[in-house]
Structure formats: C-alpha cells, structure tokens
Amino acid sequence: MSQTIAGPRAIGRWMGLQLMIGNVAGIIAPVVTGVAIDLTGTFSAAFWVVASFYIFAAFTWIFIVQKVEPLQWDPA
C-alpha cells in the first residue's frame, strides 16, 4: 500500500518513516507488556492492551482510510 500511495518519487521517505515507527513499536511493546504483567500479575492485561490496539487499527482502517490510490505530486 505504501508504494502505491507514495509513488516512485517519495517511496524512500515513506517506507523509512513506516519502518522507523514499526521499530519503535517493537522497542516499546516489551516494556508495556512487562509493566502490565508486573502491575496485574497476569498476562491478561497485556493481551487486552494488544487487542485494544488491533480494534483501534481496524476502526481506523474502516472509517478513516478511504480509497488507496497514488497521490498526485506537484512537479518541483
């Protein structure tokens, strides 16, 4: 989807940003999981946190993302 939207002129920047955000999430997720388990003593809280993020992402995709098509970049 990123390649379709960004097109050949901006794909490097978009993919770099997307991968950076994914790596930051990979750093933060174990910390949040550990804190949730430490506070509650069970894995249930960690699973609920992850489930809530998945539900949020699904609603975002359904209601915010419209048509996936290439953006029209102004020639510069």
PDB file of N, CA and C in Angstrom:
ATOM      1  N   MET A   1       0.818  -1.181   0.000  1.00  0.00           N
ATOM      2  CA  MET A   1       0.000   0.000   0.000  1.00  0.00           C
ATOM      3  C   MET A   1       0.865   1.249   0.000  1.00  0.00           C
ATOM      4  N   SER A   2       1.952   1.240   0.735  1.00  0.00           N
ATOM      5  CA  SER A   2       2.815   2.423   0.790  1.00  0.00           C
ATOM      6  C   SER A   2       3.392   2.761  -0.584  1.00  0.00           C
ATOM      7  N   GLN A   3       3.796   1.757  -1.317  1.00  0.00           N
ATOM      8  CA  GLN A   3       4.355   2.005  -2.642  1.00  0.00           C
ATOM      9  C   GLN A   3       3.303   2.548  -3.590  1.00  0.00           C
ATOM     10  N   THR A   4       2.082   2.082  -3.452  1.00  0.00           N
ATOM     11  CA  THR A   4       1.003   2.574  -4.302  1.00  0.00           C
ATOM     12  C   THR A   4       0.715   4.034  -4.007  1.00  0.00           C
ATOM     13  N   ILE A   5       0.631   4.391  -2.750  1.00  0.00           N
ATOM     14  CA  ILE A   5       0.290   5.764  -2.378  1.00  0.00           C
ATOM     15  C   ILE A   5       1.441   6.718  -2.670  1.00  0.00           C
ATOM     16  N   ALA A   6       2.646   6.363  -2.278  1.00  0.00           N
ATOM     17  CA  ALA A   6       3.770   7.281  -2.385  1.00  0.00           C
ATOM     18  C   ALA A   6       4.243   7.467  -3.812  1.00  0.00           C
ATOM     19  N   GLY A   7       4.255   6.413  -4.579  1.00  0.00           N
ATOM     20  CA  GLY A   7       4.783   6.517  -5.935  1.00  0.00           C
ATOM     21  C   GLY A   7       6.302   6.524  -5.916  1.00  0.00           C
ATOM     22  N   PRO A   8       6.908   6.565  -7.093  1.00  0.00           N
ATOM     23  CA  PRO A   8       8.360   6.442  -7.177  1.00  0.00           C
ATOM     24  C   PRO A   8       9.131   7.631  -6.612  1.00  0.00           C
ATOM     25  N   ARG A   9       8.516   8.799  -6.506  1.00  0.00           N
ATOM     26  CA  ARG A   9       9.245   9.983  -6.056  1.00  0.00           C
ATOM     27  C   ARG A   9       9.406  10.064  -4.542  1.00  0.00           C
ATOM     28  N   ALA A  10       8.528   9.417  -3.789  1.00  0.00           N
ATOM     29  CA  ALA A  10       8.559   9.587  -2.327  1.00  0.00           C
ATOM     30  C   ALA A  10       8.612   8.273  -1.565  1.00  0.00           C
ATOM     31  N   ILE A  11       8.744   7.154  -2.237  1.00  0.00           N
ATOM     32  CA  ILE A  11       8.658   5.870  -1.558  1.00  0.00           C
ATOM     33  C   ILE A  11       9.758   5.685  -0.517  1.00  0.00           C
ATOM     34  N   GLY A  12      10.945   6.199  -0.784  1.00  0.00           N
ATOM     35  CA  GLY A  12      12.042   6.051   0.175  1.00  0.00           C
ATOM     36  C   GLY A  12      11.740   6.708   1.505  1.00  0.00           C
ATOM     37  N   ARG A  13      11.220   7.914   1.458  1.00  0.00           N
ATOM     38  CA  ARG A  13      10.879   8.628   2.698  1.00  0.00           C
ATOM     39  C   ARG A  13       9.729   7.951   3.424  1.00  0.00           C
ATOM     40  N   TRP A  14       8.705   7.565   2.706  1.00  0.00           N
ATOM     41  CA  TRP A  14       7.532   6.962   3.332  1.00  0.00           C
ATOM     42  C   TRP A  14       7.883   5.629   3.968  1.00  0.00           C
ATOM     43  N   MET A  15       8.616   4.806   3.258  1.00  0.00           N
ATOM     44  CA  MET A  15       8.966   3.498   3.809  1.00  0.00           C
ATOM     45  C   MET A  15       9.935   3.641   4.984  1.00  0.00           C
ATOM     46  N   GLY A  16      10.845   4.601   4.912  1.00  0.00           N
ATOM     47  CA  GLY A  16      11.742   4.845   6.036  1.00  0.00           C
ATOM     48  C   GLY A  16      10.973   5.235   7.285  1.00  0.00           C
ATOM     49  N   LEU A  17       9.998   6.113   7.134  1.00  0.00           N
ATOM     50  CA  LEU A  17       9.176   6.536   8.267  1.00  0.00           C
ATOM     51  C   LEU A  17       8.340   5.366   8.798  1.00  0.00           C
ATOM     52  N   GLN A  18       7.751   4.593   7.898  1.00  0.00           N
ATOM     53  CA  GLN A  18       6.929   3.457   8.297  1.00  0.00           C
ATOM     54  C   GLN A  18       7.761   2.416   9.050  1.00  0.00           C
ATOM     55  N   LEU A  19       8.939   2.121   8.563  1.00  0.00           N
ATOM     56  CA  LEU A  19       9.791   1.139   9.222  1.00  0.00           C
ATOM     57  C   LEU A  19      10.313   1.655  10.564  1.00  0.00           C
ATOM     58  N   MET A  20      10.586   2.965  10.646  1.00  0.00           N
ATOM     59  CA  MET A  20      11.027   3.538  11.908  1.00  0.00           C
ATOM     60  C   MET A  20       9.935   3.410  12.972  1.00  0.00           C
ATOM     61  N   ILE A  21       8.700   3.709  12.603  1.00  0.00           N
ATOM     62  CA  ILE A  21       7.591   3.597  13.547  1.00  0.00           C
ATOM     63  C   ILE A  21       7.411   2.148  13.984  1.00  0.00           C
ATOM     64  N   GLY A  22       7.556   1.208  13.051  1.00  0.00           N
ATOM     65  CA  GLY A  22       7.462  -0.204  13.407  1.00  0.00           C
ATOM     66  C   GLY A  22       8.553  -0.632  14.361  1.00  0.00           C
ATOM     67  N   ASN A  23       9.763  -0.125  14.171  1.00  0.00           N
ATOM     68  CA  ASN A  23      10.858  -0.467  15.077  1.00  0.00           C
ATOM     69  C   ASN A  23      10.667   0.146  16.459  1.00  0.00           C
ATOM     70  N   VAL A  24      10.148   1.365  16.511  1.00  0.00           N
ATOM     71  CA  VAL A  24       9.875   1.988  17.807  1.00  0.00           C
ATOM     72  C   VAL A  24       8.803   1.187  18.548  1.00  0.00           C
ATOM     73  N   ALA A  25       7.788   0.730  17.822  1.00  0.00           N
ATOM     74  CA  ALA A  25       6.760  -0.105  18.449  1.00  0.00           C
ATOM     75  C   ALA A  25       7.365  -1.403  18.971  1.00  0.00           C
ATOM     76  N   GLY A  26       8.330  -1.955  18.249  1.00  0.00           N
ATOM     77  CA  GLY A  26       8.995  -3.169  18.699  1.00  0.00           C
ATOM     78  C   GLY A  26       9.828  -2.957  19.950  1.00  0.00           C
ATOM     79  N   ILE A  27      10.275  -1.732  20.177  1.00  0.00           N
ATOM     80  CA  ILE A  27      11.021  -1.410  21.391  1.00  0.00           C
ATOM     81  C   ILE A  27      10.062  -1.178  22.559  1.00  0.00           C
ATOM     82  N   ILE A  28       8.959  -0.504  22.296  1.00  0.00           N
ATOM     83  CA  ILE A  28       8.028  -0.124  23.355  1.00  0.00           C
ATOM     84  C   ILE A  28       7.167  -1.303  23.811  1.00  0.00           C
ATOM     85  N   ALA A  29       6.792  -2.195  22.894  1.00  0.00           N
ATOM     86  CA  ALA A  29       5.868  -3.287  23.226  1.00  0.00           C
ATOM     87  C   ALA A  29       6.347  -4.171  24.374  1.00  0.00           C
ATOM     88  N   PRO A  30       7.611  -4.606  24.407  1.00  0.00           N
ATOM     89  CA  PRO A  30       8.030  -5.439  25.545  1.00  0.00           C
ATOM     90  C   PRO A  30       7.999  -4.695  26.875  1.00  0.00           C
ATOM     91  N   VAL A  31       8.268  -3.403  26.839  1.00  0.00           N
ATOM     92  CA  VAL A  31       8.235  -2.608  28.067  1.00  0.00           C
ATOM     93  C   VAL A  31       6.803  -2.510  28.587  1.00  0.00           C
ATOM     94  N   VAL A  32       5.864  -2.200  27.693  1.00  0.00           N
ATOM     95  CA  VAL A  32       4.456  -2.091  28.095  1.00  0.00           C
ATOM     96  C   VAL A  32       3.946  -3.447  28.586  1.00  0.00           C
ATOM     97  N   THR A  33       4.323  -4.509  27.901  1.00  0.00           N
ATOM     98  CA  THR A  33       3.919  -5.845  28.326  1.00  0.00           C
ATOM     99  C   THR A  33       4.462  -6.161  29.720  1.00  0.00           C
ATOM    100  N   GLY A  34       5.727  -5.871  29.949  1.00  0.00           N
ATOM    101  CA  GLY A  34       6.324  -6.123  31.258  1.00  0.00           C
ATOM    102  C   GLY A  34       5.667  -5.323  32.364  1.00  0.00           C
ATOM    103  N   VAL A  35       5.364  -4.064  32.103  1.00  0.00           N
ATOM    104  CA  VAL A  35       4.697  -3.231  33.107  1.00  0.00           C
ATOM    105  C   VAL A  35       3.298  -3.772  33.396  1.00  0.00           C
ATOM    106  N   ALA A  36       2.563  -4.150  32.342  1.00  0.00           N
ATOM    107  CA  ALA A  36       1.208  -4.670  32.544  1.00  0.00           C
ATOM    108  C   ALA A  36       1.240  -5.955  33.359  1.00  0.00           C
ATOM    109  N   ILE A  37       2.195  -6.832  33.076  1.00  0.00           N
ATOM    110  CA  ILE A  37       2.298  -8.087  33.838  1.00  0.00           C
ATOM    111  C   ILE A  37       2.739  -7.819  35.266  1.00  0.00           C
ATOM    112  N   ASP A  38       3.654  -6.871  35.441  1.00  0.00           N
ATOM    113  CA  ASP A  38       4.135  -6.543  36.784  1.00  0.00           C
ATOM    114  C   ASP A  38       3.020  -5.954  37.644  1.00  0.00           C
ATOM    115  N   LEU A  39       2.189  -5.102  37.049  1.00  0.00           N
ATOM    116  CA  LEU A  39       1.124  -4.462  37.816  1.00  0.00           C
ATOM    117  C   LEU A  39      -0.026  -5.414  38.134  1.00  0.00           C
ATOM    118  N   THR A  40      -0.333  -6.326  37.206  1.00  0.00           N
ATOM    119  CA  THR A  40      -1.501  -7.185  37.398  1.00  0.00           C
ATOM    120  C   THR A  40      -1.148  -8.609  37.813  1.00  0.00           C
ATOM    121  N   GLY A  41       0.069  -9.052  37.519  1.00  0.00           N
ATOM    122  CA  GLY A  41       0.471 -10.404  37.859  1.00  0.00           C
ATOM    123  C   GLY A  41      -0.033 -11.457  36.893  1.00  0.00           C
ATOM    124  N   THR A  42      -0.612 -11.037  35.772  1.00  0.00           N
ATOM    125  CA  THR A  42      -1.143 -11.976  34.783  1.00  0.00           C
ATOM    126  C   THR A  42      -0.930 -11.422  33.381  1.00  0.00           C
ATOM    127  N   PHE A  43      -0.969 -12.316  32.411  1.00  0.00           N
ATOM    128  CA  PHE A  43      -0.801 -11.885  31.025  1.00  0.00           C
ATOM    129  C   PHE A  43      -2.078 -11.302  30.431  1.00  0.00           C
ATOM    130  N   SER A  44      -3.182 -11.413  31.116  1.00  0.00           N
ATOM    131  CA  SER A  44      -4.464 -10.937  30.583  1.00  0.00           C
ATOM    132  C   SER A  44      -4.426  -9.460  30.226  1.00  0.00           C
ATOM    133  N   ALA A  45      -3.849  -8.644  31.088  1.00  0.00           N
ATOM    134  CA  ALA A  45      -3.793  -7.205  30.812  1.00  0.00           C
ATOM    135  C   ALA A  45      -2.990  -6.920  29.548  1.00  0.00           C
ATOM    136  N   ALA A  46      -1.882  -7.620  29.374  1.00  0.00           N
ATOM    137  CA  ALA A  46      -1.077  -7.423  28.174  1.00  0.00           C
ATOM    138  C   ALA A  46      -1.859  -7.805  26.923  1.00  0.00           C
ATOM    139  N   PHE A  47      -2.602  -8.898  26.986  1.00  0.00           N
ATOM    140  CA  PHE A  47      -3.411  -9.297  25.833  1.00  0.00           C
ATOM    141  C   PHE A  47      -4.513  -8.287  25.548  1.00  0.00           C
ATOM    142  N   TRP A  48      -5.114  -7.714  26.589  1.00  0.00           N
ATOM    143  CA  TRP A  48      -6.155  -6.704  26.390  1.00  0.00           C
ATOM    144  C   TRP A  48      -5.595  -5.432  25.771  1.00  0.00           C
ATOM    145  N   VAL A  49      -4.398  -5.053  26.159  1.00  0.00           N
ATOM    146  CA  VAL A  49      -3.758  -3.877  25.552  1.00  0.00           C
ATOM    147  C   VAL A  49      -3.552  -4.112  24.063  1.00  0.00           C
ATOM    148  N   VAL A  50      -3.025  -5.267  23.713  1.00  0.00           N
ATOM    149  CA  VAL A  50      -2.800  -5.581  22.301  1.00  0.00           C
ATOM    150  C   VAL A  50      -4.118  -5.649  21.543  1.00  0.00           C
ATOM    151  N   ALA A  51      -5.122  -6.275  22.127  1.00  0.00           N
ATOM    152  CA  ALA A  51      -6.428  -6.376  21.478  1.00  0.00           C
ATOM    153  C   ALA A  51      -7.038  -5.000  21.238  1.00  0.00           C
ATOM    154  N   SER A  52      -6.879  -4.092  22.203  1.00  0.00           N
ATOM    155  CA  SER A  52      -7.430  -2.745  22.028  1.00  0.00           C
ATOM    156  C   SER A  52      -6.726  -2.003  20.892  1.00  0.00           C
ATOM    157  N   PHE A  53      -5.430  -2.197  20.737  1.00  0.00           N
ATOM    158  CA  PHE A  53      -4.723  -1.571  19.620  1.00  0.00           C
ATOM    159  C   PHE A  53      -5.198  -2.142  18.286  1.00  0.00           C
ATOM    160  N   TYR A  54      -5.437  -3.442  18.231  1.00  0.00           N
ATOM    161  CA  TYR A  54      -5.942  -4.052  16.997  1.00  0.00           C
ATOM    162  C   TYR A  54      -7.333  -3.539  16.651  1.00  0.00           C
ATOM    163  N   ILE A  55      -8.180  -3.398  17.634  1.00  0.00           N
ATOM    164  CA  ILE A  55      -9.527  -2.869  17.395  1.00  0.00           C
ATOM    165  C   ILE A  55      -9.453  -1.429  16.928  1.00  0.00           C
ATOM    166  N   PHE A  56      -8.590  -0.629  17.563  1.00  0.00           N
ATOM    167  CA  PHE A  56      -8.404   0.759  17.137  1.00  0.00           C
ATOM    168  C   PHE A  56      -7.914   0.817  15.690  1.00  0.00           C
ATOM    169  N   ALA A  57      -6.959  -0.036  15.343  1.00  0.00           N
ATOM    170  CA  ALA A  57      -6.429  -0.048  13.980  1.00  0.00           C
ATOM    171  C   ALA A  57      -7.503  -0.455  12.974  1.00  0.00           C
ATOM    172  N   ALA A  58      -8.336  -1.416  13.324  1.00  0.00           N
ATOM    173  CA  ALA A  58      -9.401  -1.841  12.420  1.00  0.00           C
ATOM    174  C   ALA A  58     -10.405  -0.713  12.174  1.00  0.00           C
ATOM    175  N   PHE A  59     -10.819  -0.035  13.237  1.00  0.00           N
ATOM    176  CA  PHE A  59     -11.750   1.082  13.069  1.00  0.00           C
ATOM    177  C   PHE A  59     -11.112   2.217  12.280  1.00  0.00           C
ATOM    178  N   THR A  60      -9.840   2.461  12.514  1.00  0.00           N
ATOM    179  CA  THR A  60      -9.142   3.495  11.751  1.00  0.00           C
ATOM    180  C   THR A  60      -9.142   3.154  10.276  1.00  0.00           C
ATOM    181  N   TRP A  61      -8.832   1.903   9.952  1.00  0.00           N
ATOM    182  CA  TRP A  61      -8.794   1.488   8.548  1.00  0.00           C
ATOM    183  C   TRP A  61     -10.177   1.602   7.905  1.00  0.00           C
ATOM    184  N   ILE A  62     -11.200   1.178   8.626  1.00  0.00           N
ATOM    185  CA  ILE A  62     -12.551   1.170   8.065  1.00  0.00           C
ATOM    186  C   ILE A  62     -13.094   2.580   7.871  1.00  0.00           C
ATOM    187  N   PHE A  63     -12.892   3.464   8.853  1.00  0.00           N
ATOM    188  CA  PHE A  63     -13.559   4.758   8.823  1.00  0.00           C
ATOM    189  C   PHE A  63     -12.689   5.925   8.360  1.00  0.00           C
ATOM    190  N   ILE A  64     -11.372   5.801   8.413  1.00  0.00           N
ATOM    191  CA  ILE A  64     -10.516   6.931   8.031  1.00  0.00           C
ATOM    192  C   ILE A  64      -9.866   6.725   6.678  1.00  0.00           C
ATOM    193  N   VAL A  65      -9.346   5.533   6.418  1.00  0.00           N
ATOM    194  CA  VAL A  65      -8.679   5.278   5.144  1.00  0.00           C
ATOM    195  C   VAL A  65      -9.752   5.154   4.072  1.00  0.00           C
ATOM    196  N   GLN A  66      -9.631   5.991   3.081  1.00  0.00           N
ATOM    197  CA  GLN A  66     -10.615   5.964   2.007  1.00  0.00           C
ATOM    198  C   GLN A  66     -10.107   5.079   0.870  1.00  0.00           C
ATOM    199  N   LYS A  67      -9.965   5.634  -0.282  1.00  0.00           N
ATOM    200  CA  LYS A  67      -9.527   4.888  -1.451  1.00  0.00           C
ATOM    201  C   LYS A  67      -8.003   4.878  -1.511  1.00  0.00           C
ATOM    202  N   VAL A  68      -7.423   3.717  -1.754  1.00  0.00           N
ATOM    203  CA  VAL A  68      -5.970   3.607  -1.866  1.00  0.00           C
ATOM    204  C   VAL A  68      -5.589   3.833  -3.319  1.00  0.00           C
ATOM    205  N   GLU A  69      -4.998   4.993  -3.565  1.00  0.00           N
ATOM    206  CA  GLU A  69      -4.569   5.348  -4.916  1.00  0.00           C
ATOM    207  C   GLU A  69      -3.345   6.247  -4.817  1.00  0.00           C
ATOM    208  N   PRO A  70      -2.537   6.307  -5.878  1.00  0.00           N
ATOM    209  CA  PRO A  70      -1.338   7.144  -5.831  1.00  0.00           C
ATOM    210  C   PRO A  70      -1.681   8.636  -5.648  1.00  0.00           C
ATOM    211  N   LEU A  71      -0.876   9.304  -4.845  1.00  0.00           N
ATOM    212  CA  LEU A  71      -1.028  10.747  -4.682  1.00  0.00           C
ATOM    213  C   LEU A  71      -0.456  11.449  -5.899  1.00  0.00           C
ATOM    214  N   GLN A  72      -1.011  12.586  -6.231  1.00  0.00           N
ATOM    215  CA  GLN A  72      -0.512  13.394  -7.342  1.00  0.00           C
ATOM    216  C   GLN A  72       0.478  14.407  -6.793  1.00  0.00           C
ATOM    217  N   TRP A  73       1.769  14.187  -7.043  1.00  0.00           N
ATOM    218  CA  TRP A  73       2.808  15.062  -6.547  1.00  0.00           C
ATOM    219  C   TRP A  73       3.027  16.200  -7.533  1.00  0.00           C
ATOM    220  N   ASP A  74       3.168  17.415  -7.013  1.00  0.00           N
ATOM    221  CA  ASP A  74       3.459  18.571  -7.875  1.00  0.00           C
ATOM    222  C   ASP A  74       4.887  18.466  -8.370  1.00  0.00           C
ATOM    223  N   PRO A  75       5.109  18.711  -9.662  1.00  0.00           N
ATOM    224  CA  PRO A  75       6.494  18.683 -10.149  1.00  0.00           C
ATOM    225  C   PRO A  75       7.293  19.827  -9.531  1.00  0.00           C
ATOM    226  N   ALA A  76       8.447  19.493  -9.003  1.00  0.00           N
ATOM    227  CA  ALA A  76       9.257  20.540  -8.352  1.00  0.00           C
ATOM    228  C   ALA A  76      10.621  20.617  -8.987  1.00  0.00           C
TER     229      ALA A  76
END
